[in-house]
Amino acid sequence: MLREALSAGLEPEAVFATEWGLERALSEGLDLEADAYVIPDRAMGRISEVETPPGLVAVFASSLVGADALLAAGEPAILLAGIADPGNAGTLLRTAEIFGIPRALFADRGVEAHNPKVVRATMGSFFRMKLGVGDPAETVAAARRHGYTIVAAARDGEPLPTFRFPRKALLAVGNERRGVSDWLPAWDVSVSIPQRGQGDSLNAAVAGGIIFYTFSQQCRA
């Protein structure tokens, strides 16, 4: 993850490393000596929240912006409208980047963007995408102001195979059981994924991936 951050052009404010962690990083070509504080293994165990500490913990400045700043560029974006599970949130970011969607907006009452599990689940996308956070009213107002169409994933939406995405879309994925309505006060159109088999609902990250892929294919066409 640290290599991904450095490759994205980010500069750490500090790096805390055990002796073996720093030695490993240097052997793999990561130039960290100027920024690194060498600490005992016991201290690493206290500051790292994973069961097996990696030997390296890096501190970066936050790059989160508000909803208005995130949407000002007019690029396609996703909205995590009440996503609470950090694994789902990170997977949604990773999938969005793969399908050419460069921006993501976190909900103020959903999972926190800097949650370590979110960051790890993105597999590096966290460092390359433009990320923001907004409240419901701010998000809808910013979307309107910048000419976005809010497309919500919903059970009663237009079937995905016949839906035509607007190019300037804010793709909203919410709680897999309750959808976006628990957080998002308004949206413009909704889209649904037809089911053929049994099952109550799709995992939020799986549903988002299907929608993001369809959006990217239409944009390419």
C-alpha atoms as a PDB file:
ATOM      1  CA  MET A   1       0.000   0.000   0.000  1.00  0.00           C
ATOM      2  CA  LEU A   2       2.843   2.390   0.752  1.00  0.00           C
ATOM      3  CA  ARG A   3       4.366   1.691  -2.661  1.00  0.00           C
ATOM      4  CA  GLU A   4       0.989   2.490  -4.266  1.00  0.00           C
ATOM      5  CA  ALA A   5       0.814   5.805  -2.396  1.00  0.00           C
ATOM      6  CA  LEU A   6       4.338   6.787  -3.398  1.00  0.00           C
ATOM      7  CA  SER A   7       3.680   5.760  -7.012  1.00  0.00           C
ATOM      8  CA  ALA A   8       0.651   8.064  -7.008  1.00  0.00           C
ATOM      9  CA  GLY A   9       2.962  10.973  -6.177  1.00  0.00           C
ATOM     10  CA  LEU A  10       2.007  11.326  -2.519  1.00  0.00           C
ATOM     11  CA  GLU A  11       4.618  12.308   0.040  1.00  0.00           C
ATOM     12  CA  PRO A  12       4.383  10.897   3.566  1.00  0.00           C
ATOM     13  CA  GLU A  13       4.542  13.297   6.480  1.00  0.00           C
ATOM     14  CA  ALA A  14       6.168  10.561   8.535  1.00  0.00           C
ATOM     15  CA  VAL A  15       6.918   6.850   8.388  1.00  0.00           C
ATOM     16  CA  PHE A  16       7.147   4.704  11.523  1.00  0.00           C
ATOM     17  CA  ALA A  17       9.094   1.510  10.968  1.00  0.00           C
ATOM     18  CA  THR A  18      10.593  -1.366  12.855  1.00  0.00           C
ATOM     19  CA  GLU A  19      14.193  -2.178  12.013  1.00  0.00           C
ATOM     20  CA  TRP A  20      13.160  -5.182   9.936  1.00  0.00           C
ATOM     21  CA  GLY A  21      10.327  -3.223   8.280  1.00  0.00           C
ATOM     22  CA  LEU A  22      12.655  -0.442   7.184  1.00  0.00           C
ATOM     23  CA  GLU A  23      15.276  -2.903   5.990  1.00  0.00           C
ATOM     24  CA  ARG A  24      12.683  -4.709   3.898  1.00  0.00           C
ATOM     25  CA  ALA A  25      11.361  -1.446   2.426  1.00  0.00           C
ATOM     26  CA  LEU A  26      14.850  -0.268   1.461  1.00  0.00           C
ATOM     27  CA  SER A  27      15.665  -3.638  -0.097  1.00  0.00           C
ATOM     28  CA  GLU A  28      12.561  -3.261  -2.264  1.00  0.00           C
ATOM     29  CA  GLY A  29      13.623   0.184  -3.465  1.00  0.00           C
ATOM     30  CA  LEU A  30      11.426   2.405  -1.285  1.00  0.00           C
ATOM     31  CA  ASP A  31      13.421   5.535  -0.377  1.00  0.00           C
ATOM     32  CA  LEU A  32      12.174   6.166   3.153  1.00  0.00           C
ATOM     33  CA  GLU A  33      15.263   6.815   5.255  1.00  0.00           C
ATOM     34  CA  ALA A  34      14.755  10.586   5.399  1.00  0.00           C
ATOM     35  CA  ASP A  35      11.187  10.278   6.701  1.00  0.00           C
ATOM     36  CA  ALA A  36      11.378   7.158   8.852  1.00  0.00           C
ATOM     37  CA  TYR A  37      11.309   6.929  12.632  1.00  0.00           C
ATOM     38  CA  VAL A  38      12.598   3.554  13.778  1.00  0.00           C
ATOM     39  CA  ILE A  39      10.500   2.172  16.644  1.00  0.00           C
ATOM     40  CA  PRO A  40      10.445  -1.080  18.632  1.00  0.00           C
ATOM     41  CA  ASP A  41       8.217  -3.983  17.597  1.00  0.00           C
ATOM     42  CA  ARG A  42       6.084  -3.444  20.714  1.00  0.00           C
ATOM     43  CA  ALA A  43       5.378   0.172  19.744  1.00  0.00           C
ATOM     44  CA  MET A  44       4.465  -0.932  16.213  1.00  0.00           C
ATOM     45  CA  GLY A  45       1.975  -3.368  17.707  1.00  0.00           C
ATOM     46  CA  ARG A  46       0.297  -0.472  19.554  1.00  0.00           C
ATOM     47  CA  ILE A  47      -0.009   1.935  16.618  1.00  0.00           C
ATOM     48  CA  SER A  48      -0.976  -0.635  13.968  1.00  0.00           C
ATOM     49  CA  GLU A  49      -4.557  -1.896  14.033  1.00  0.00           C
ATOM     50  CA  VAL A  50      -3.913  -5.145  12.150  1.00  0.00           C
ATOM     51  CA  GLU A  51      -3.343  -8.440  13.956  1.00  0.00           C
ATOM     52  CA  THR A  52       0.076  -8.933  12.377  1.00  0.00           C
ATOM     53  CA  PRO A  53       1.744  -5.491  12.140  1.00  0.00           C
ATOM     54  CA  PRO A  54       3.445  -4.867   8.787  1.00  0.00           C
ATOM     55  CA  GLY A  55       6.543  -3.171  10.166  1.00  0.00           C
ATOM     56  CA  LEU A  56       5.663   0.090   8.406  1.00  0.00           C
ATOM     57  CA  VAL A  57       3.019   2.693   9.175  1.00  0.00           C
ATOM     58  CA  ALA A  58       2.925   5.871   7.082  1.00  0.00           C
ATOM     59  CA  VAL A  59       1.144   9.158   7.774  1.00  0.00           C
ATOM     60  CA  PHE A  60      -0.254  11.199   4.882  1.00  0.00           C
ATOM     61  CA  ALA A  61      -2.183  14.455   4.795  1.00  0.00           C
ATOM     62  CA  SER A  62      -5.885  14.082   4.066  1.00  0.00           C
ATOM     63  CA  SER A  63      -6.935  14.949   0.528  1.00  0.00           C
ATOM     64  CA  LEU A  64     -10.717  14.795   1.075  1.00  0.00           C
ATOM     65  CA  VAL A  65     -12.748  17.698  -0.328  1.00  0.00           C
ATOM     66  CA  GLY A  66     -16.397  18.744  -0.071  1.00  0.00           C
ATOM     67  CA  ALA A  67     -19.131  17.658  -2.474  1.00  0.00           C
ATOM     68  CA  ASP A  68     -19.029  20.926  -4.410  1.00  0.00           C
ATOM     69  CA  ALA A  69     -15.284  20.743  -5.037  1.00  0.00           C
ATOM     70  CA  LEU A  70     -15.458  17.066  -5.984  1.00  0.00           C
ATOM     71  CA  LEU A  71     -18.180  17.567  -8.602  1.00  0.00           C
ATOM     72  CA  ALA A  72     -16.888  20.856 -10.020  1.00  0.00           C
ATOM     73  CA  ALA A  73     -14.763  19.085 -12.658  1.00  0.00           C
ATOM     74  CA  GLY A  74     -17.817  17.396 -14.204  1.00  0.00           C
ATOM     75  CA  GLU A  75     -16.265  13.928 -14.363  1.00  0.00           C
ATOM     76  CA  PRO A  76     -18.330  10.792 -13.632  1.00  0.00           C
ATOM     77  CA  ALA A  77     -18.443   9.991  -9.937  1.00  0.00           C
ATOM     78  CA  ILE A  78     -19.856   7.459  -7.531  1.00  0.00           C
ATOM     79  CA  LEU A  79     -21.728   8.202  -4.324  1.00  0.00           C
ATOM     80  CA  LEU A  80     -21.522   5.837  -1.360  1.00  0.00           C
ATOM     81  CA  ALA A  81     -24.977   6.750  -0.076  1.00  0.00           C
ATOM     82  CA  GLY A  82     -24.954   5.237   3.385  1.00  0.00           C
ATOM     83  CA  ILE A  83     -22.523   2.369   2.784  1.00  0.00           C
ATOM     84  CA  ALA A  84     -21.476   1.215   6.250  1.00  0.00           C
ATOM     85  CA  ASP A  85     -19.242  -1.776   5.546  1.00  0.00           C
ATOM     86  CA  PRO A  86     -15.602  -0.753   4.940  1.00  0.00           C
ATOM     87  CA  GLY A  87     -14.902  -3.767   2.725  1.00  0.00           C
ATOM     88  CA  ASN A  88     -17.802  -2.871   0.441  1.00  0.00           C
ATOM     89  CA  ALA A  89     -16.742   0.779   0.353  1.00  0.00           C
ATOM     90  CA  GLY A  90     -13.168  -0.059  -0.590  1.00  0.00           C
ATOM     91  CA  THR A  91     -14.264  -2.546  -3.233  1.00  0.00           C
ATOM     92  CA  LEU A  92     -16.624   0.024  -4.749  1.00  0.00           C
ATOM     93  CA  LEU A  93     -13.751   2.494  -5.112  1.00  0.00           C
ATOM     94  CA  ARG A  94     -11.450  -0.119  -6.603  1.00  0.00           C
ATOM     95  CA  THR A  95     -14.119  -1.226  -9.079  1.00  0.00           C
ATOM     96  CA  ALA A  96     -15.043   2.336 -10.047  1.00  0.00           C
ATOM     97  CA  GLU A  97     -11.430   3.136 -10.900  1.00  0.00           C
ATOM     98  CA  ILE A  98     -11.081  -0.024 -12.987  1.00  0.00           C
ATOM     99  CA  PHE A  99     -14.114   1.007 -15.052  1.00  0.00           C
ATOM    100  CA  GLY A 100     -12.881   4.556 -15.598  1.00  0.00           C
ATOM    101  CA  ILE A 101     -14.828   6.458 -12.923  1.00  0.00           C
ATOM    102  CA  PRO A 102     -12.236   8.700 -11.262  1.00  0.00           C
ATOM    103  CA  ARG A 103     -14.166  10.290  -8.387  1.00  0.00           C
ATOM    104  CA  ALA A 104     -15.995   9.047  -5.291  1.00  0.00           C
ATOM    105  CA  LEU A 105     -18.073  10.837  -2.675  1.00  0.00           C
ATOM    106  CA  PHE A 106     -18.516   9.379   0.815  1.00  0.00           C
ATOM    107  CA  ALA A 107     -21.653  10.030   2.840  1.00  0.00           C
ATOM    108  CA  ASP A 108     -21.188  11.855   6.114  1.00  0.00           C
ATOM    109  CA  ARG A 109     -23.125   9.180   8.025  1.00  0.00           C
ATOM    110  CA  GLY A 110     -21.575   6.176   6.295  1.00  0.00           C
ATOM    111  CA  VAL A 111     -18.225   4.490   6.727  1.00  0.00           C
ATOM    112  CA  GLU A 112     -15.378   6.938   7.295  1.00  0.00           C
ATOM    113  CA  ALA A 113     -13.209   7.388   4.219  1.00  0.00           C
ATOM    114  CA  HIS A 114      -9.944   6.993   6.132  1.00  0.00           C
ATOM    115  CA  ASN A 115     -11.014   3.766   7.829  1.00  0.00           C
ATOM    116  CA  PRO A 116      -7.930   1.524   7.427  1.00  0.00           C
ATOM    117  CA  LYS A 117     -10.079  -1.350   6.123  1.00  0.00           C
ATOM    118  CA  VAL A 118     -11.470   0.952   3.413  1.00  0.00           C
ATOM    119  CA  VAL A 119      -7.976   2.008   2.384  1.00  0.00           C
ATOM    120  CA  ARG A 120      -6.690  -1.572   2.221  1.00  0.00           C
ATOM    121  CA  ALA A 121      -9.724  -2.826   0.292  1.00  0.00           C
ATOM    122  CA  THR A 122      -9.150  -0.245  -2.465  1.00  0.00           C
ATOM    123  CA  MET A 123      -5.814  -1.922  -3.344  1.00  0.00           C
ATOM    124  CA  GLY A 124      -4.286   1.483  -4.108  1.00  0.00           C
ATOM    125  CA  SER A 125      -7.272   3.192  -5.747  1.00  0.00           C
ATOM    126  CA  PHE A 126      -7.643   5.349  -2.634  1.00  0.00           C
ATOM    127  CA  PHE A 127      -4.425   7.161  -3.544  1.00  0.00           C
ATOM    128  CA  ARG A 128      -5.235   7.724  -7.223  1.00  0.00           C
ATOM    129  CA  MET A 129      -8.899   8.754  -7.151  1.00  0.00           C
ATOM    130  CA  LYS A 130     -10.349  12.135  -6.214  1.00  0.00           C
ATOM    131  CA  LEU A 131     -12.305  11.659  -2.996  1.00  0.00           C
ATOM    132  CA  GLY A 132     -14.746  13.773  -1.039  1.00  0.00           C
ATOM    133  CA  VAL A 133     -17.365  13.682   1.674  1.00  0.00           C
ATOM    134  CA  GLY A 134     -20.711  15.464   1.904  1.00  0.00           C
ATOM    135  CA  ASP A 135     -24.005  15.580   3.752  1.00  0.00           C
ATOM    136  CA  PRO A 136     -27.310  14.805   1.974  1.00  0.00           C
ATOM    137  CA  ALA A 137     -28.431  18.374   1.254  1.00  0.00           C
ATOM    138  CA  GLU A 138     -24.943  19.490   0.213  1.00  0.00           C
ATOM    139  CA  THR A 139     -24.542  16.538  -2.137  1.00  0.00           C
ATOM    140  CA  VAL A 140     -27.859  17.037  -3.937  1.00  0.00           C
ATOM    141  CA  ALA A 141     -27.286  20.799  -4.210  1.00  0.00           C
ATOM    142  CA  ALA A 142     -23.778  20.298  -5.622  1.00  0.00           C
ATOM    143  CA  ALA A 143     -25.046  17.759  -8.160  1.00  0.00           C
ATOM    144  CA  ARG A 144     -27.748  20.178  -9.329  1.00  0.00           C
ATOM    145  CA  ARG A 145     -25.331  23.094  -9.468  1.00  0.00           C
ATOM    146  CA  HIS A 146     -22.847  21.242 -11.635  1.00  0.00           C
ATOM    147  CA  GLY A 147     -25.376  19.610 -13.953  1.00  0.00           C
ATOM    148  CA  TYR A 148     -25.155  16.021 -12.756  1.00  0.00           C
ATOM    149  CA  THR A 149     -27.890  13.439 -13.053  1.00  0.00           C
ATOM    150  CA  ILE A 150     -28.120  11.423  -9.840  1.00  0.00           C
ATOM    151  CA  VAL A 151     -28.623   7.780 -10.831  1.00  0.00           C
ATOM    152  CA  ALA A 152     -29.631   5.638  -7.859  1.00  0.00           C
ATOM    153  CA  ALA A 153     -29.470   1.860  -7.659  1.00  0.00           C
ATOM    154  CA  ALA A 154     -32.975   0.759  -6.586  1.00  0.00           C
ATOM    155  CA  ARG A 155     -35.202  -2.300  -6.737  1.00  0.00           C
ATOM    156  CA  ASP A 156     -37.942  -0.460  -8.629  1.00  0.00           C
ATOM    157  CA  GLY A 157     -35.650   1.327 -11.088  1.00  0.00           C
ATOM    158  CA  GLU A 158     -35.539   0.950 -14.846  1.00  0.00           C
ATOM    159  CA  PRO A 159     -33.968  -2.389 -15.801  1.00  0.00           C
ATOM    160  CA  LEU A 160     -30.256  -1.996 -16.437  1.00  0.00           C
ATOM    161  CA  PRO A 161     -30.283  -3.624 -19.913  1.00  0.00           C
ATOM    162  CA  THR A 162     -32.569  -0.898 -21.313  1.00  0.00           C
ATOM    163  CA  PHE A 163     -31.305   2.060 -19.275  1.00  0.00           C
ATOM    164  CA  ARG A 164     -29.326   4.779 -21.046  1.00  0.00           C
ATOM    165  CA  PHE A 165     -26.877   6.484 -18.712  1.00  0.00           C
ATOM    166  CA  PRO A 166     -26.259  10.215 -18.923  1.00  0.00           C
ATOM    167  CA  ARG A 167     -22.589  10.983 -19.399  1.00  0.00           C
ATOM    168  CA  LYS A 168     -22.508  13.391 -16.458  1.00  0.00           C
ATOM    169  CA  ALA A 169     -23.688  10.884 -13.888  1.00  0.00           C
ATOM    170  CA  LEU A 170     -23.393  10.607 -10.132  1.00  0.00           C
ATOM    171  CA  LEU A 171     -23.907   6.878  -9.556  1.00  0.00           C
ATOM    172  CA  ALA A 172     -25.379   6.303  -6.092  1.00  0.00           C
ATOM    173  CA  VAL A 173     -25.124   2.937  -4.349  1.00  0.00           C
ATOM    174  CA  GLY A 174     -26.665   2.554  -0.902  1.00  0.00           C
ATOM    175  CA  ASN A 175     -27.371  -0.023   1.746  1.00  0.00           C
ATOM    176  CA  GLU A 176     -27.941  -3.400   0.091  1.00  0.00           C
ATOM    177  CA  ARG A 177     -31.270  -3.939   1.877  1.00  0.00           C
ATOM    178  CA  ARG A 178     -32.661  -0.406   2.143  1.00  0.00           C
ATOM    179  CA  GLY A 179     -31.036   1.182  -0.876  1.00  0.00           C
ATOM    180  CA  VAL A 180     -30.144   4.865  -1.038  1.00  0.00           C
ATOM    181  CA  SER A 181     -33.334   6.203   0.557  1.00  0.00           C
ATOM    182  CA  ASP A 182     -31.972   6.076   4.128  1.00  0.00           C
ATOM    183  CA  TRP A 183     -29.415   8.744   3.267  1.00  0.00           C
ATOM    184  CA  LEU A 184     -30.126  10.397  -0.071  1.00  0.00           C
ATOM    185  CA  PRO A 185     -33.146  12.761   0.049  1.00  0.00           C
ATOM    186  CA  ALA A 186     -33.633  12.967  -3.731  1.00  0.00           C
ATOM    187  CA  TRP A 187     -32.369  11.536  -7.001  1.00  0.00           C
ATOM    188  CA  ASP A 188     -33.201  11.993 -10.672  1.00  0.00           C
ATOM    189  CA  VAL A 189     -33.551   8.453 -12.015  1.00  0.00           C
ATOM    190  CA  SER A 190     -33.096   4.937 -10.687  1.00  0.00           C
ATOM    191  CA  VAL A 191     -31.801   1.745 -12.212  1.00  0.00           C
ATOM    192  CA  SER A 192     -32.281  -1.880 -11.180  1.00  0.00           C
ATOM    193  CA  ILE A 193     -30.441  -5.111 -11.903  1.00  0.00           C
ATOM    194  CA  PRO A 194     -32.895  -7.814 -13.076  1.00  0.00           C
ATOM    195  CA  GLN A 195     -32.832 -11.074 -11.134  1.00  0.00           C
ATOM    196  CA  ARG A 196     -33.417 -14.521 -12.583  1.00  0.00           C
ATOM    197  CA  GLY A 197     -32.824 -16.641  -9.508  1.00  0.00           C
ATOM    198  CA  GLN A 198     -33.734 -16.556  -5.842  1.00  0.00           C
ATOM    199  CA  GLY A 199     -32.127 -14.231  -3.329  1.00  0.00           C
ATOM    200  CA  ASP A 200     -33.100 -11.221  -1.305  1.00  0.00           C
ATOM    201  CA  SER A 201     -30.503  -8.742  -2.557  1.00  0.00           C
ATOM    202  CA  LEU A 202     -27.112  -8.351  -4.153  1.00  0.00           C
ATOM    203  CA  ASN A 203     -24.096  -7.345  -2.150  1.00  0.00           C
ATOM    204  CA  ALA A 204     -23.656  -3.578  -2.525  1.00  0.00           C
ATOM    205  CA  ALA A 205     -20.185  -3.874  -4.039  1.00  0.00           C
ATOM    206  CA  VAL A 206     -21.331  -6.527  -6.530  1.00  0.00           C
ATOM    207  CA  ALA A 207     -24.329  -4.410  -7.570  1.00  0.00           C
ATOM    208  CA  GLY A 208     -22.135  -1.351  -7.927  1.00  0.00           C
ATOM    209  CA  GLY A 209     -19.655  -3.267 -10.063  1.00  0.00           C
ATOM    210  CA  ILE A 210     -22.358  -4.398 -12.486  1.00  0.00           C
ATOM    211  CA  ILE A 211     -23.687  -0.847 -12.795  1.00  0.00           C
ATOM    212  CA  PHE A 212     -20.227   0.713 -13.181  1.00  0.00           C
ATOM    213  CA  TYR A 213     -19.314  -1.788 -15.916  1.00  0.00           C
ATOM    214  CA  THR A 214     -22.512  -1.069 -17.855  1.00  0.00           C
ATOM    215  CA  PHE A 215     -21.928   2.677 -17.526  1.00  0.00           C
ATOM    216  CA  SER A 216     -18.362   2.358 -18.794  1.00  0.00           C
ATOM    217  CA  GLN A 217     -19.425   0.265 -21.789  1.00  0.00           C
ATOM    218  CA  GLN A 218     -22.059   2.800 -22.796  1.00  0.00           C
ATOM    219  CA  CYS A 219     -19.611   5.688 -22.462  1.00  0.00           C
ATOM    220  CA  ARG A 220     -17.064   3.846 -24.611  1.00  0.00           C
ATOM    221  CA  ALA A 221     -19.705   3.206 -27.274  1.00  0.00           C
END
